[in-house]
Structures are given as structure tokens and as C-alpha cells.
């Protein structure tokens, strides 16, 4: 059975002692879990359909209308009266998710023009295209969090590797690396994205690749400082005297200590990635048009001032996500503080 070291246990206890950070972590995990299972929470397809003693699962598998007794060889509109009658006449039933709308499903039965205010059907109202706001928030939050996590992982790998090489070898490697960082950090990322968006249509992977070229700079200075300090410690000199290779010294002896300072930065990198993607979507240089995103919701709130629920929903969603990550980062920083 895996057991934590005494030092790791003390850090975990310090993290738990910060109640705000501890509960923020669990609340963030809960919200992320709900967004990952968005198809089970918000979907225009039923979770289960029983028809003629046969069970169908439209959320997980695509069926045609002919398979449920219809005429067309296409996927049926399960929310239509025609499909409901087919199921009812066959002695069956359907179970829809709590929110019977997907991110791109318009509500054609609105009693008021879109964007319509919150109702019992659309809990947070609809946007200017009659799409359910809550469903788009769930799907948009999933895209933002997954983008932030992927960007954080890629940035951490590149930044830690660059900082480790600079700090361990020093000399001309460190000097050359610092000059590259100075030039690279001075490039206007937003302008580059705007220019490149004129040549290619931005999507998730395109944005991730472009942002990863610049976001790795955050951790380089932290890791470099830890390696500059650690390479002259006695246990590192002893390991070198025993004939250990530089790779083993970096990975086994210095990197674990450098990771202590690095881990406390990760939640703040996540907040920066979410904010950047939201800003790009708001300006129209982010995800493809029509994609569910928090930035697109903010843009709709700006363009539809007569529908304040759009702006309030986007604001509170971002405020909750970013606040939770900041609280988690503060708790990690206190837990890994060497002075504690």
C-alpha cells in the first residue's frame, strides 16, 4: 500500500488546515466532474429509452428514427411530439437529463423573444439564439478547464526542463537561456494571435499550441533559482563524487526539491489560462463561432444589455472558478512553505 513520507503528510495536514483552500479543492473537483459529465446533465437526447421491451441509450449511441418505429433513416428529434408519440404508442418511456437542452439546442417553444429571461424550463434563460444558457455554461466551463489543464501540463513540462537546464549547468547555457527568455517574453502574444487568426481558423488545438509557445515562461525563473541553489549543496556534490550522471542528479536529487515551489504556482497558471481563453473568445479570436465558451457568453451579455442574466451568469461563473483556483493556490503555497 502506498504511504506518504512524513514530510508529505505534514504538508497535507497543513493544506487541510487551510479550510478555505481544502473546501475550494473539493468544490472545484465537483464542478469539474459535473462539466465532464455534461452530456448526462444537459442534453437534448434522453438518457434511456424503453421501447418494445428494448432499452436504448441515445446519449451514448446514435440511433435512427426507423429503429424506434419511424420512417426516416436519420437521427430523430427526441423532444418532438412525433417521437414522443412513437415511444408512447409502443408502450415505452424516455428519461431526459435534468436540463433537456444541449449547448447548441435552441428552444423553439419560447413564450418571449430571445434572449428570454430565466424560467422553469430554462433555469438561467436563453441567449440571443434561443439556446439554454445553463447548458452552454456547463459545456463552456468544461472547455475552459480542459484547455487550462492541458496548457498547464505542457507549460510545466517545458518550463521545468528549461529552468532545470539553465540552473544546473549555468555558464553559457544560463546566459544564452536568459537572453532567449528576454526576447521571447517581449513578443506581443495577443497581436500574434490576432494576426495568425487571419490565416487559419482558430480551434482548441491551434490555440493550445500557440499559447503553449509563450506560457512556459512562468516557471522558468522559479525552477532555475532552485537549481542554482541546489547544485552547490553537499548532497549534490556527494552524488557527483560517487559518479552519478547529471541526468540522475537532476531527476533524483534536485528536481524533487524544485517541485515544491513549482506546485504552488500551478493553480495560478490555471487561472491565467482560463482568463486568456475567455478574453480571446470575447474578442472573437478564440474558439470557432458557435462553440460554447464563457467568453462568448460575456460577448452576448455586452451585445444584449436588455438581458442582464447573460452578463451576470458569465461574471459569477468566472468569479467562482477563478476564486476557487486562487484559494487552492494559496493553500498549496502555505503547505509547501519551507518556513512552516
Protein backbone atom coordinates (compact mmCIF):
# COMPACT_ATOMS: atom_id res chain seq x y z
CA UNK A 1 0.00 0.00 0.00
CA UNK A 2 1.30 3.43 -0.91
CA UNK A 3 2.35 5.50 2.09
CA UNK A 4 3.24 9.16 2.22
CA UNK A 5 6.52 10.28 3.67
CA UNK A 6 6.44 12.18 6.98
CA UNK A 7 7.18 15.43 5.14
CA UNK A 8 4.36 14.83 2.65
CA UNK A 9 1.96 14.04 5.49
CA UNK A 10 2.86 17.29 7.25
CA UNK A 11 2.25 19.23 4.06
CA UNK A 12 -1.08 17.50 3.54
CA UNK A 13 -2.09 18.36 7.09
CA UNK A 14 -1.12 21.99 6.55
CA UNK A 15 -3.16 22.01 3.36
CA UNK A 16 -6.19 20.56 5.19
CA UNK A 17 -5.73 23.08 7.98
CA UNK A 18 -6.45 25.82 5.44
CA UNK A 19 -10.21 25.20 5.39
CA UNK A 20 -10.86 27.68 2.62
CA UNK A 21 -8.37 26.00 0.29
CA UNK A 22 -9.44 22.48 1.29
CA UNK A 23 -13.15 23.05 0.60
CA UNK A 24 -12.33 25.02 -2.53
CA UNK A 25 -10.48 21.98 -3.87
CA UNK A 26 -13.46 19.70 -3.33
CA UNK A 27 -15.90 22.22 -4.77
CA UNK A 28 -13.71 22.67 -7.85
CA UNK A 29 -13.46 18.89 -8.31
CA UNK A 30 -17.26 18.67 -8.03
CA UNK A 31 -17.84 21.41 -10.60
CA UNK A 32 -15.24 19.91 -12.94
CA UNK A 33 -16.85 16.49 -12.59
CA UNK A 34 -20.26 17.91 -13.47
CA UNK A 35 -18.82 19.65 -16.53
CA UNK A 36 -17.03 16.46 -17.65
CA UNK A 37 -20.33 14.60 -17.49
CA UNK A 38 -22.15 17.43 -19.21
CA UNK A 39 -23.90 15.07 -21.64
CA UNK A 40 -25.52 13.35 -18.66
CA UNK A 41 -26.68 16.64 -17.14
CA UNK A 42 -27.60 18.78 -20.15
CA UNK A 43 -28.60 17.05 -23.38
CA UNK A 44 -31.44 17.08 -25.89
CA UNK A 45 -31.23 13.28 -26.11
CA UNK A 46 -32.75 11.05 -23.42
CA UNK A 47 -30.56 9.03 -21.12
CA UNK A 48 -32.68 5.91 -21.50
CA UNK A 49 -35.47 4.93 -23.88
CA UNK A 50 -37.54 1.81 -23.33
CA UNK A 51 -39.50 0.64 -26.38
CA UNK A 52 -40.95 -2.82 -27.07
CA UNK A 53 -39.09 -4.29 -24.08
CA UNK A 54 -35.81 -2.99 -25.51
CA UNK A 55 -33.63 -0.37 -23.87
CA UNK A 56 -31.88 2.33 -25.92
CA UNK A 57 -29.22 4.76 -24.72
CA UNK A 58 -29.21 7.70 -27.16
CA UNK A 59 -26.67 9.65 -25.09
CA UNK A 60 -24.02 7.01 -25.80
CA UNK A 61 -25.15 5.61 -29.17
CA UNK A 62 -26.67 7.10 -32.28
CA UNK A 63 -30.00 5.58 -33.37
CA UNK A 64 -32.17 6.23 -36.41
CA UNK A 65 -35.84 7.04 -36.42
CA UNK A 66 -36.57 3.72 -38.14
CA UNK A 67 -35.18 1.82 -35.13
CA UNK A 68 -37.83 3.29 -32.88
CA UNK A 69 -40.70 2.75 -35.32
CA UNK A 70 -40.42 5.85 -37.50
CA UNK A 71 -39.92 6.28 -41.22
CA UNK A 72 -36.72 8.28 -41.73
CA UNK A 73 -33.18 6.83 -41.65
CA UNK A 74 -31.91 9.81 -39.66
CA UNK A 75 -31.36 10.55 -36.01
CA UNK A 76 -34.73 11.55 -34.51
CA UNK A 77 -35.56 14.69 -32.58
CA UNK A 78 -36.40 13.08 -29.26
CA UNK A 79 -38.01 16.26 -27.94
CA UNK A 80 -40.55 16.43 -30.77
CA UNK A 81 -44.16 15.40 -30.26
CA UNK A 82 -43.90 12.92 -33.12
CA UNK A 83 -41.12 10.92 -31.47
CA UNK A 84 -42.85 11.08 -28.11
CA UNK A 85 -45.97 9.60 -29.68
CA UNK A 86 -43.95 6.83 -31.30
CA UNK A 87 -42.48 5.86 -27.94
CA UNK A 88 -45.82 6.15 -26.14
CA UNK A 89 -47.66 4.07 -28.73
CA UNK A 90 -45.01 1.38 -28.38
CA UNK A 91 -45.67 1.20 -24.66
CA UNK A 92 -42.34 2.79 -23.84
CA UNK A 93 -40.95 5.79 -21.99
CA UNK A 94 -37.99 8.17 -22.07
CA UNK A 95 -35.85 9.66 -19.30
CA UNK A 96 -34.24 13.00 -20.14
CA UNK A 97 -31.37 14.67 -18.25
CA UNK A 98 -32.23 17.41 -15.72
CA UNK A 99 -31.56 20.01 -18.43
CA UNK A 100 -33.21 18.80 -21.67
CA UNK A 101 -31.03 21.00 -23.86
CA UNK A 102 -27.56 20.62 -25.28
CA UNK A 103 -25.17 23.52 -25.80
CA UNK A 104 -26.41 24.16 -29.34
CA UNK A 105 -30.09 23.20 -28.91
CA UNK A 106 -32.50 26.11 -29.49
CA UNK A 107 -35.77 26.25 -27.62
CA UNK A 108 -38.49 26.71 -30.23
CA UNK A 109 -41.25 26.93 -27.62
CA UNK A 110 -40.30 30.24 -26.02
CA UNK A 111 -43.14 32.49 -24.95
CA UNK A 112 -40.94 35.59 -25.36
CA UNK A 113 -38.38 36.59 -27.98
CA UNK A 114 -34.83 35.52 -27.33
CA UNK A 115 -32.85 36.24 -25.30
CA UNK A 116 -35.55 35.21 -22.86
CA UNK A 117 -35.34 35.51 -19.05
CA UNK A 118 -34.96 32.55 -16.68
CA UNK A 119 -37.95 30.23 -16.46
CA UNK A 120 -38.75 26.80 -15.05
CA UNK A 121 -37.64 25.30 -18.39
CA UNK A 122 -34.54 27.42 -18.99
CA UNK A 123 -33.17 27.96 -15.49
CA UNK A 124 -30.75 30.72 -16.49
CA UNK A 125 -32.67 31.93 -19.52
CA UNK A 126 -31.65 31.71 -23.15
CA UNK A 127 -29.17 33.61 -25.28
CA UNK A 128 -29.87 35.59 -28.46
CA UNK A 129 -30.14 32.34 -30.44
CA UNK A 130 -32.66 30.74 -28.03
CA UNK A 131 -30.04 28.33 -26.64
CA UNK A 132 -30.14 27.34 -22.99
CA UNK A 133 -27.63 29.44 -21.02
CA UNK A 134 -27.05 26.89 -18.24
CA UNK A 135 -26.23 24.15 -20.76
CA UNK A 136 -23.76 26.46 -22.51
CA UNK A 137 -22.18 27.36 -19.18
CA UNK A 138 -21.63 23.68 -18.36
CA UNK A 139 -20.10 22.89 -21.75
CA UNK A 140 -18.16 26.14 -21.86
CA UNK A 141 -16.69 25.61 -18.40
CA UNK A 142 -15.55 22.13 -19.46
CA UNK A 143 -13.73 23.52 -22.48
CA UNK A 144 -12.10 26.26 -20.39
CA UNK A 145 -10.93 23.90 -17.63
CA UNK A 146 -9.66 21.23 -20.02
CA UNK A 147 -7.83 23.90 -22.03
CA UNK A 148 -6.30 25.31 -18.85
CA UNK A 149 -5.22 21.89 -17.59
CA UNK A 150 -3.66 20.90 -20.93
CA UNK A 151 -1.89 24.25 -21.20
CA UNK A 152 -0.63 23.99 -17.62
CA UNK A 153 0.77 20.49 -18.18
CA UNK A 154 2.54 21.45 -21.41
CA UNK A 155 3.84 24.71 -19.97
CA UNK A 156 5.08 22.98 -16.83
CA UNK A 157 7.00 20.33 -18.76
CA UNK A 158 8.71 22.90 -21.00
CA UNK A 159 9.28 25.46 -18.25
CA UNK A 160 10.67 22.96 -15.74
CA UNK A 161 13.01 21.45 -18.33
CA UNK A 162 14.29 24.86 -19.44
CA UNK A 163 14.75 26.12 -15.89
CA UNK A 164 16.47 22.91 -14.80
CA UNK A 165 19.00 23.04 -17.64
CA UNK A 166 19.76 26.71 -17.04
CA UNK A 167 20.15 26.37 -13.30
CA UNK A 168 22.11 23.11 -13.28
CA UNK A 169 24.66 23.85 -15.99
CA UNK A 170 24.89 27.63 -15.55
CA UNK A 171 27.58 29.42 -17.52
CA UNK A 172 26.89 29.99 -21.20
CA UNK A 173 23.80 27.75 -21.07
CA UNK A 174 22.24 30.00 -18.44
CA UNK A 175 23.39 33.16 -20.22
CA UNK A 176 22.00 32.06 -23.58
CA UNK A 177 18.76 30.89 -21.98
CA UNK A 178 18.21 34.21 -20.23
CA UNK A 179 18.69 36.14 -23.47
CA UNK A 180 16.16 33.86 -25.20
CA UNK A 181 13.69 34.42 -22.35
CA UNK A 182 14.09 38.18 -22.60
CA UNK A 183 13.36 38.18 -26.31
CA UNK A 184 10.57 35.60 -26.13
CA UNK A 185 8.76 37.29 -23.23
CA UNK A 186 8.75 40.60 -25.13
CA UNK A 187 6.71 39.25 -28.03
CA UNK A 188 3.10 40.52 -28.11
CA UNK A 189 1.14 37.29 -27.78
CA UNK A 190 -2.30 38.82 -28.34
CA UNK A 191 -1.23 40.60 -31.51
CA UNK A 192 0.32 37.43 -32.86
CA UNK A 193 -2.90 35.54 -32.24
CA UNK A 194 -4.92 38.22 -34.00
CA UNK A 195 -2.57 38.18 -36.99
CA UNK A 196 -2.47 34.39 -37.23
CA UNK A 197 -6.24 34.14 -36.97
CA UNK A 198 -6.39 35.82 -40.36
CA UNK A 199 -4.61 32.85 -41.93
CA UNK A 200 -6.15 29.89 -40.09
CA UNK A 201 -9.44 29.31 -38.30
CA UNK A 202 -8.71 29.04 -34.57
CA UNK A 203 -9.76 25.88 -32.75
CA UNK A 204 -8.95 24.17 -29.46
CA UNK A 205 -5.66 22.58 -30.55
CA UNK A 206 -4.49 25.57 -32.55
CA UNK A 207 -5.00 27.89 -29.57
CA UNK A 208 -3.37 25.38 -27.24
CA UNK A 209 -0.26 25.15 -29.42
CA UNK A 210 0.11 28.91 -29.80
CA UNK A 211 -0.42 29.62 -26.10
CA UNK A 212 1.99 26.85 -25.09
CA UNK A 213 4.76 28.63 -27.01
CA UNK A 214 4.60 31.51 -24.53
CA UNK A 215 3.02 30.30 -21.28
CA UNK A 216 6.03 28.13 -20.28
CA UNK A 217 7.99 31.24 -19.31
CA UNK A 218 6.18 31.46 -15.96
CA UNK A 219 8.00 28.57 -14.25
CA UNK A 220 11.47 29.01 -15.71
CA UNK A 221 12.72 31.58 -13.19
CA UNK A 222 11.38 29.60 -10.20
CA UNK A 223 12.95 26.29 -11.26
CA UNK A 224 16.18 27.99 -12.35
CA UNK A 225 16.59 29.62 -8.93
CA UNK A 226 16.03 26.31 -7.14
CA UNK A 227 18.60 24.55 -9.32
CA UNK A 228 21.16 27.34 -8.91
CA UNK A 229 20.80 26.94 -5.16
CA UNK A 230 20.62 23.16 -5.10
CA UNK A 231 23.55 22.32 -7.38
CA UNK A 232 26.03 23.58 -4.76
CA UNK A 233 24.56 21.68 -1.80
CA UNK A 234 26.59 18.97 -0.12
CA UNK A 235 24.42 16.00 -1.08
CA UNK A 236 24.61 17.01 -4.75
CA UNK A 237 28.39 17.27 -4.57
CA UNK A 238 28.48 13.86 -2.87
CA UNK A 239 26.32 12.34 -5.60
CA UNK A 240 28.59 13.80 -8.27
CA UNK A 241 31.65 12.44 -6.44
CA UNK A 242 30.09 8.98 -6.39
CA UNK A 243 29.88 9.06 -10.17
CA UNK A 244 26.17 9.68 -10.74
CA UNK A 245 25.34 11.11 -14.13
CA UNK A 246 23.99 14.63 -14.49
CA UNK A 247 20.61 13.27 -15.54
CA UNK A 248 20.24 11.22 -12.37
CA UNK A 249 21.38 14.10 -10.20
CA UNK A 250 18.83 16.41 -11.83
CA UNK A 251 15.93 13.95 -11.66
CA UNK A 252 16.57 12.27 -8.31
CA UNK A 253 18.19 14.92 -6.13
CA UNK A 254 17.42 18.47 -7.24
CA UNK A 255 14.14 18.26 -9.15
CA UNK A 256 12.04 16.93 -6.20
CA UNK A 257 13.05 19.96 -4.14
CA UNK A 258 12.39 22.33 -7.02
CA UNK A 259 8.91 20.85 -7.48
CA UNK A 260 7.89 22.10 -4.03
CA UNK A 261 7.98 25.70 -5.23
CA UNK A 262 6.58 24.77 -8.64
CA UNK A 263 3.41 23.05 -7.42
CA UNK A 264 2.18 26.15 -5.63
CA UNK A 265 2.26 28.06 -8.95
CA UNK A 266 0.09 25.61 -10.90
CA UNK A 267 -3.35 26.89 -9.76
CA UNK A 268 -2.34 30.42 -10.72
CA UNK A 269 -1.25 29.20 -14.17
CA UNK A 270 -4.68 27.57 -14.48
CA UNK A 271 -6.42 30.87 -13.69
CA UNK A 272 -4.27 32.66 -16.25
CA UNK A 273 -5.11 30.09 -18.93
CA UNK A 274 -8.85 30.32 -18.26
CA UNK A 275 -8.71 34.12 -18.32
CA UNK A 276 -6.73 34.15 -21.57
CA UNK A 277 -9.11 31.79 -23.37
CA UNK A 278 -12.09 33.79 -22.11
CA UNK A 279 -10.54 37.05 -23.34
CA UNK A 280 -9.80 35.56 -26.77
CA UNK A 281 -13.35 34.22 -27.09
CA UNK A 282 -14.74 37.58 -26.05
CA UNK A 283 -12.70 39.34 -28.74
CA UNK A 284 -13.67 36.76 -31.35
CA UNK A 285 -10.22 35.21 -31.79
CA UNK A 286 -10.77 32.09 -29.69
CA UNK A 287 -12.87 29.00 -30.26
CA UNK A 288 -14.81 28.62 -33.54
CA UNK A 289 -18.01 30.60 -33.88
CA UNK A 290 -20.93 28.93 -32.16
CA UNK A 291 -18.79 26.99 -29.68
CA UNK A 292 -19.92 27.06 -26.07
CA UNK A 293 -17.49 29.27 -24.16
CA UNK A 294 -17.54 31.70 -21.27
CA UNK A 295 -16.02 34.46 -23.37
CA UNK A 296 -18.77 34.13 -25.97
CA UNK A 297 -21.33 34.43 -23.18
CA UNK A 298 -19.68 37.64 -21.98
CA UNK A 299 -19.81 39.00 -25.52
CA UNK A 300 -23.52 38.18 -25.67
CA UNK A 301 -24.04 40.00 -22.38
CA UNK A 302 -22.31 43.07 -23.82
CA UNK A 303 -24.36 42.96 -27.00
CA UNK A 304 -27.66 42.38 -25.17
CA UNK A 305 -27.74 44.82 -22.29
CA UNK A 306 -31.50 44.33 -22.07
CA UNK A 307 -30.77 40.74 -20.93
CA UNK A 308 -28.72 41.20 -17.73
CA UNK A 309 -28.89 37.50 -16.85
CA UNK A 310 -26.33 36.79 -19.59
CA UNK A 311 -23.70 39.09 -18.12
CA UNK A 312 -24.43 38.09 -14.52
CA UNK A 313 -24.18 34.39 -15.37
CA UNK A 314 -20.83 34.82 -17.12
CA UNK A 315 -19.48 37.02 -14.33
CA UNK A 316 -20.44 34.72 -11.46
CA UNK A 317 -19.24 31.61 -13.31
CA UNK A 318 -15.81 33.10 -13.90
CA UNK A 319 -15.69 34.59 -10.41
CA UNK A 320 -16.41 31.23 -8.79
CA UNK A 321 -13.94 29.26 -10.94
CA UNK A 322 -11.08 31.74 -10.58
CA UNK A 323 -11.70 32.30 -6.86
CA UNK A 324 -11.63 28.56 -6.16
CA UNK A 325 -8.32 28.19 -8.01
CA UNK A 326 -6.79 31.17 -6.20
CA UNK A 327 -7.83 29.75 -2.82
CA UNK A 328 -6.35 26.37 -3.75
CA UNK A 329 -3.12 28.06 -4.84
CA UNK A 330 -2.86 29.97 -1.58
CA UNK A 331 -3.37 26.78 0.42
CA UNK A 332 -0.69 24.97 -1.63
CA UNK A 333 1.70 27.87 -1.15
CA UNK A 334 1.25 27.72 2.61
CA UNK A 335 1.54 23.92 2.63
CA UNK A 336 4.84 23.93 0.74
CA UNK A 337 6.29 26.94 2.54
CA UNK A 338 9.71 25.77 3.85
CA UNK A 339 9.42 28.18 6.78
CA UNK A 340 6.29 26.45 8.09
